[in-house]
Structure formats: C-alpha cells, structure tokens
Amino acid sequence: MDLTGHDVAGVVDLFGALTRAELGEALAELAFKRGEDHDPDAFAADIDAAVRSYHLVAVEPDATDAAVDETLYVVGPVAFPELPEGATDLPHILDVESRNIERETVARAAERRFRDDASAAVEAGDTERIEALLDVSYELEAWGGVDLARSRDRLDATLQ
C-alpha cells in the first residue's frame, strides 16, 4: 500500500494522537480492507518517513497528560492530513480513544527535534537535508509559533 506523509497524518488525525503500535495497527487494518499485506511492522518505513518529513511529530509521554507511557505521534507542521480510502471506519475498528495533545506541547517537541536535526545536518554537511529543513522551518514557525531564525541562519550559512 503506497502511503504519503499526508495519508499517515490523516490516520493519526482521526484519533488526535497514536502510539507507534496503534498507528501500525491502523495502517494494517487499511491494508487488510484493500486485500494487501496487513502486517503492522510492514508500515515502519512509512511511519519513519512521515516523522522525518515532519508530517508527524513524536511527543514523549511525560510531556502529555495522555494515559499512555509510550511516545505519541501527532500531526506535524507540514501535513495536510488526507484520509486514505477506508480510513473513516478505523475509529470503529480499533480500540483507541481519541486523544488531544495541546498544540504548544507538540510545537515544543517539534522545535527541539528541528534544532537537533538542523545541527546534525550541518555537522554532516548534508545539503539535501539542510534544504529540506529550511522549508520545514517556515512551516514550523507558522504552525507552532516558534522562532527558528537563528537555526535557519545557521542552515543558510552552511549552504553558502
């Protein structure tokens, strides 16, 4: 099953936030409905890609009041959540309650991750990642109300 970051974010958006296992199960249910491979582990690369591209943001459990002790995945700053075909049934199929994680909490998690990603990209001299992060920085600022000007300046200076 081919999934975009927007598709993965659409599934998460149905619930507000999901653990990795819950998200894998949700994607497996979609695949099953389509008659495709429905092993939850088969979607690890799709989830990782959505996190790497900032379609999803990982929020640690101690930063939330959710009744879970696992990392939660929440829709991120570059996502335009799309519901894949058959996804509207997922809340009726999965035994997962809707969760609401405060935007400020998610924005702080995304900002921390962004700063770490920016430092790693600069240290590695990874121009492709630097360029992608520059684009993300504008989305994250508008979405999360954070100031990434200094990080963006550092990324820009690396490309000079």
C-alpha atoms as a PDB file:
ATOM      1  CA  MET A   1       0.000   0.000   0.000  1.00  0.00           C
ATOM      2  CA  ASP A   2       1.522   3.293  -1.077  1.00  0.00           C
ATOM      3  CA  LEU A   3       1.081   5.946   1.583  1.00  0.00           C
ATOM      4  CA  THR A   4       2.140   9.566   1.593  1.00  0.00           C
ATOM      5  CA  GLY A   5       3.025  11.507   4.717  1.00  0.00           C
ATOM      6  CA  HIS A   6      -0.333  13.238   4.318  1.00  0.00           C
ATOM      7  CA  ASP A   7      -2.099   9.847   4.346  1.00  0.00           C
ATOM      8  CA  VAL A   8      -0.295   8.727   7.504  1.00  0.00           C
ATOM      9  CA  ALA A   9      -1.090  12.084   9.119  1.00  0.00           C
ATOM     10  CA  GLY A  10      -4.738  11.666   8.108  1.00  0.00           C
ATOM     11  CA  VAL A  11      -4.936   8.395  10.011  1.00  0.00           C
ATOM     12  CA  VAL A  12      -3.355   9.966  13.088  1.00  0.00           C
ATOM     13  CA  ASP A  13      -5.678  12.964  12.803  1.00  0.00           C
ATOM     14  CA  LEU A  14      -8.695  10.671  13.194  1.00  0.00           C
ATOM     15  CA  PHE A  15      -7.553   9.900  16.741  1.00  0.00           C
ATOM     16  CA  GLY A  16      -5.626  13.038  17.710  1.00  0.00           C
ATOM     17  CA  ALA A  17      -2.535  11.024  18.654  1.00  0.00           C
ATOM     18  CA  LEU A  18      -1.451   7.407  18.313  1.00  0.00           C
ATOM     19  CA  THR A  19       1.363   5.260  19.628  1.00  0.00           C
ATOM     20  CA  ARG A  20       3.584   3.642  17.032  1.00  0.00           C
ATOM     21  CA  ALA A  21       1.914   0.260  17.605  1.00  0.00           C
ATOM     22  CA  GLU A  22      -1.560   1.783  17.272  1.00  0.00           C
ATOM     23  CA  LEU A  23      -0.581   3.560  14.068  1.00  0.00           C
ATOM     24  CA  GLY A  24       0.880   0.348  12.664  1.00  0.00           C
ATOM     25  CA  GLU A  25      -2.347  -1.472  13.514  1.00  0.00           C
ATOM     26  CA  ALA A  26      -4.455   1.249  11.893  1.00  0.00           C
ATOM     27  CA  LEU A  27      -2.409   1.085   8.695  1.00  0.00           C
ATOM     28  CA  ALA A  28      -2.577  -2.719   8.746  1.00  0.00           C
ATOM     29  CA  GLU A  29      -6.376  -2.521   9.024  1.00  0.00           C
ATOM     30  CA  LEU A  30      -6.459  -0.273   5.970  1.00  0.00           C
ATOM     31  CA  ALA A  31      -4.273  -2.687   4.044  1.00  0.00           C
ATOM     32  CA  PHE A  32      -6.459  -5.631   5.094  1.00  0.00           C
ATOM     33  CA  LYS A  33      -9.541  -3.808   3.820  1.00  0.00           C
ATOM     34  CA  ARG A  34      -7.742  -3.444   0.485  1.00  0.00           C
ATOM     35  CA  GLY A  35      -6.686  -7.079   0.365  1.00  0.00           C
ATOM     36  CA  GLU A  36      -2.998  -6.236   0.807  1.00  0.00           C
ATOM     37  CA  ASP A  37      -0.227  -7.220   3.230  1.00  0.00           C
ATOM     38  CA  HIS A  38      -1.513  -6.346   6.664  1.00  0.00           C
ATOM     39  CA  ASP A  39       1.472  -6.845   8.956  1.00  0.00           C
ATOM     40  CA  PRO A  40       1.744  -3.730  11.186  1.00  0.00           C
ATOM     41  CA  ASP A  41       5.554  -3.920  11.008  1.00  0.00           C
ATOM     42  CA  ALA A  42       5.356  -3.511   7.226  1.00  0.00           C
ATOM     43  CA  PHE A  43       4.494   0.163   7.773  1.00  0.00           C
ATOM     44  CA  ALA A  44       7.557   1.091   9.840  1.00  0.00           C
ATOM     45  CA  ALA A  45       9.224   2.804   6.871  1.00  0.00           C
ATOM     46  CA  ASP A  46       6.068   4.836   6.135  1.00  0.00           C
ATOM     47  CA  ILE A  47       5.879   5.987   9.751  1.00  0.00           C
ATOM     48  CA  ASP A  48       9.597   6.799   9.866  1.00  0.00           C
ATOM     49  CA  ALA A  49       9.336   8.767   6.613  1.00  0.00           C
ATOM     50  CA  ALA A  50       6.369  10.761   7.961  1.00  0.00           C
ATOM     51  CA  VAL A  51       8.336  11.627  11.098  1.00  0.00           C
ATOM     52  CA  ARG A  52      11.487  12.526   9.146  1.00  0.00           C
ATOM     53  CA  SER A  53       9.498  14.834   6.860  1.00  0.00           C
ATOM     54  CA  TYR A  54       7.624  16.464   9.787  1.00  0.00           C
ATOM     55  CA  HIS A  55       4.245  15.145   8.676  1.00  0.00           C
ATOM     56  CA  LEU A  56       4.214  13.622  12.158  1.00  0.00           C
ATOM     57  CA  VAL A  57       5.770  14.809  15.398  1.00  0.00           C
ATOM     58  CA  ALA A  58       6.763  12.422  18.166  1.00  0.00           C
ATOM     59  CA  VAL A  59       5.769  13.601  21.641  1.00  0.00           C
ATOM     60  CA  GLU A  60       7.159  11.867  24.687  1.00  0.00           C
ATOM     61  CA  PRO A  61       4.576  10.660  27.224  1.00  0.00           C
ATOM     62  CA  ASP A  62       5.919  12.764  30.090  1.00  0.00           C
ATOM     63  CA  ALA A  63       5.030  15.899  28.083  1.00  0.00           C
ATOM     64  CA  THR A  64       1.355  14.970  27.894  1.00  0.00           C
ATOM     65  CA  ASP A  65      -1.479  14.111  30.197  1.00  0.00           C
ATOM     66  CA  ALA A  66      -2.464  11.170  27.995  1.00  0.00           C
ATOM     67  CA  ALA A  67      -2.874   7.899  29.849  1.00  0.00           C
ATOM     68  CA  VAL A  68      -0.071   6.141  27.943  1.00  0.00           C
ATOM     69  CA  ASP A  69       3.568   5.585  28.712  1.00  0.00           C
ATOM     70  CA  GLU A  70       4.723   5.453  25.102  1.00  0.00           C
ATOM     71  CA  THR A  71       5.698   8.060  22.542  1.00  0.00           C
ATOM     72  CA  LEU A  72       2.668   9.522  20.816  1.00  0.00           C
ATOM     73  CA  TYR A  73       2.615  10.588  17.182  1.00  0.00           C
ATOM     74  CA  VAL A  74       0.700  13.743  16.334  1.00  0.00           C
ATOM     75  CA  VAL A  75       0.040  15.553  13.049  1.00  0.00           C
ATOM     76  CA  GLY A  76       3.015  17.769  12.256  1.00  0.00           C
ATOM     77  CA  PRO A  77       3.618  21.167  10.685  1.00  0.00           C
ATOM     78  CA  VAL A  78       3.971  20.152   7.028  1.00  0.00           C
ATOM     79  CA  ALA A  79       0.971  17.820   6.945  1.00  0.00           C
ATOM     80  CA  PHE A  80      -2.259  18.376   5.139  1.00  0.00           C
ATOM     81  CA  PRO A  81      -3.970  15.290   6.569  1.00  0.00           C
ATOM     82  CA  GLU A  82      -5.725  13.186   3.962  1.00  0.00           C
ATOM     83  CA  LEU A  83      -7.927  10.236   4.787  1.00  0.00           C
ATOM     84  CA  PRO A  84      -6.901   7.189   2.788  1.00  0.00           C
ATOM     85  CA  GLU A  85      -9.750   5.164   1.330  1.00  0.00           C
ATOM     86  CA  GLY A  86     -11.499   3.211   4.074  1.00  0.00           C
ATOM     87  CA  ALA A  87      -9.961   5.169   6.939  1.00  0.00           C
ATOM     88  CA  THR A  88     -13.217   6.611   8.239  1.00  0.00           C
ATOM     89  CA  ASP A  89     -14.066   3.186   9.719  1.00  0.00           C
ATOM     90  CA  LEU A  90     -10.875   2.985  11.782  1.00  0.00           C
ATOM     91  CA  PRO A  91     -12.262   4.593  14.957  1.00  0.00           C
ATOM     92  CA  HIS A  92     -14.956   1.873  14.969  1.00  0.00           C
ATOM     93  CA  ILE A  93     -12.454  -0.922  14.351  1.00  0.00           C
ATOM     94  CA  LEU A  94      -9.608  -0.011  16.684  1.00  0.00           C
ATOM     95  CA  ASP A  95      -9.981   0.120  20.432  1.00  0.00           C
ATOM     96  CA  VAL A  96      -8.272   3.515  20.766  1.00  0.00           C
ATOM     97  CA  GLU A  97      -9.788   6.525  22.433  1.00  0.00           C
ATOM     98  CA  SER A  98      -9.391   9.943  20.878  1.00  0.00           C
ATOM     99  CA  ARG A  99      -6.547  11.973  22.390  1.00  0.00           C
ATOM    100  CA  ASN A 100      -5.988  15.687  22.407  1.00  0.00           C
ATOM    101  CA  ILE A 101      -2.404  16.879  22.824  1.00  0.00           C
ATOM    102  CA  GLU A 102      -2.015  20.634  23.271  1.00  0.00           C
ATOM    103  CA  ARG A 103      -0.563  22.367  20.216  1.00  0.00           C
ATOM    104  CA  GLU A 104       2.022  24.120  22.392  1.00  0.00           C
ATOM    105  CA  THR A 105       3.299  20.749  23.643  1.00  0.00           C
ATOM    106  CA  VAL A 106       3.580  19.430  20.094  1.00  0.00           C
ATOM    107  CA  ALA A 107       5.237  22.642  18.895  1.00  0.00           C
ATOM    108  CA  ARG A 108       7.886  22.404  21.645  1.00  0.00           C
ATOM    109  CA  ALA A 109       8.609  18.788  20.706  1.00  0.00           C
ATOM    110  CA  ALA A 110       8.856  19.702  17.019  1.00  0.00           C
ATOM    111  CA  GLU A 111      11.110  22.663  17.773  1.00  0.00           C
ATOM    112  CA  ARG A 112      13.501  20.525  19.854  1.00  0.00           C
ATOM    113  CA  ARG A 113      13.637  17.910  17.145  1.00  0.00           C
ATOM    114  CA  PHE A 114      14.127  20.533  14.454  1.00  0.00           C
ATOM    115  CA  ARG A 115      17.092  22.062  16.279  1.00  0.00           C
ATOM    116  CA  ASP A 116      18.646  18.599  16.702  1.00  0.00           C
ATOM    117  CA  ASP A 117      18.022  17.755  13.042  1.00  0.00           C
ATOM    118  CA  ALA A 118      19.478  21.086  11.922  1.00  0.00           C
ATOM    119  CA  SER A 119      22.639  20.577  13.975  1.00  0.00           C
ATOM    120  CA  ALA A 120      23.072  17.044  12.661  1.00  0.00           C
ATOM    121  CA  ALA A 121      22.563  18.157   9.051  1.00  0.00           C
ATOM    122  CA  VAL A 122      25.085  20.985   9.414  1.00  0.00           C
ATOM    123  CA  GLU A 123      27.658  18.725  11.069  1.00  0.00           C
ATOM    124  CA  ALA A 124      27.202  16.122   8.329  1.00  0.00           C
ATOM    125  CA  GLY A 125      27.250  18.739   5.558  1.00  0.00           C
ATOM    126  CA  ASP A 126      24.056  17.154   4.213  1.00  0.00           C
ATOM    127  CA  THR A 127      22.908  19.848   1.786  1.00  0.00           C
ATOM    128  CA  GLU A 128      19.801  17.938   0.729  1.00  0.00           C
ATOM    129  CA  ARG A 129      18.636  17.649   4.338  1.00  0.00           C
ATOM    130  CA  ILE A 130      19.583  21.265   5.050  1.00  0.00           C
ATOM    131  CA  GLU A 131      17.444  22.453   2.143  1.00  0.00           C
ATOM    132  CA  ALA A 132      14.518  20.320   3.327  1.00  0.00           C
ATOM    133  CA  LEU A 133      14.879  21.666   6.866  1.00  0.00           C
ATOM    134  CA  LEU A 134      14.903  25.240   5.613  1.00  0.00           C
ATOM    135  CA  ASP A 135      11.479  24.609   4.089  1.00  0.00           C
ATOM    136  CA  VAL A 136      10.275  22.916   7.273  1.00  0.00           C
ATOM    137  CA  SER A 137      11.460  25.871   9.363  1.00  0.00           C
ATOM    138  CA  TYR A 138       8.958  28.236   7.749  1.00  0.00           C
ATOM    139  CA  GLU A 139       6.103  25.756   8.144  1.00  0.00           C
ATOM    140  CA  LEU A 140       7.018  25.071  11.762  1.00  0.00           C
ATOM    141  CA  GLU A 141       7.201  28.763  12.636  1.00  0.00           C
ATOM    142  CA  ALA A 142       3.781  29.473  11.154  1.00  0.00           C
ATOM    143  CA  TRP A 143       2.221  26.310  12.589  1.00  0.00           C
ATOM    144  CA  GLY A 144       3.799  26.269  16.024  1.00  0.00           C
ATOM    145  CA  GLY A 145       4.527  29.883  16.766  1.00  0.00           C
ATOM    146  CA  VAL A 146       8.219  29.226  17.377  1.00  0.00           C
ATOM    147  CA  ASP A 147      11.193  31.328  16.326  1.00  0.00           C
ATOM    148  CA  LEU A 148      13.704  29.429  14.220  1.00  0.00           C
ATOM    149  CA  ALA A 149      15.513  32.401  12.693  1.00  0.00           C
ATOM    150  CA  ARG A 150      18.865  31.571  14.298  1.00  0.00           C
ATOM    151  CA  SER A 151      18.664  27.937  13.230  1.00  0.00           C
ATOM    152  CA  ARG A 152      17.650  28.982   9.729  1.00  0.00           C
ATOM    153  CA  ASP A 153      20.588  31.428   9.561  1.00  0.00           C
ATOM    154  CA  ARG A 154      22.945  28.610  10.526  1.00  0.00           C
ATOM    155  CA  LEU A 155      21.438  26.342   7.873  1.00  0.00           C
ATOM    156  CA  ASP A 156      21.653  29.102   5.254  1.00  0.00           C
ATOM    157  CA  ALA A 157      25.275  29.850   6.148  1.00  0.00           C
ATOM    158  CA  THR A 158      26.174  26.209   5.599  1.00  0.00           C
ATOM    159  CA  LEU A 159      24.855  26.362   2.048  1.00  0.00           C
ATOM    160  CA  GLN A 160      26.919  29.451   1.205  1.00  0.00           C
END
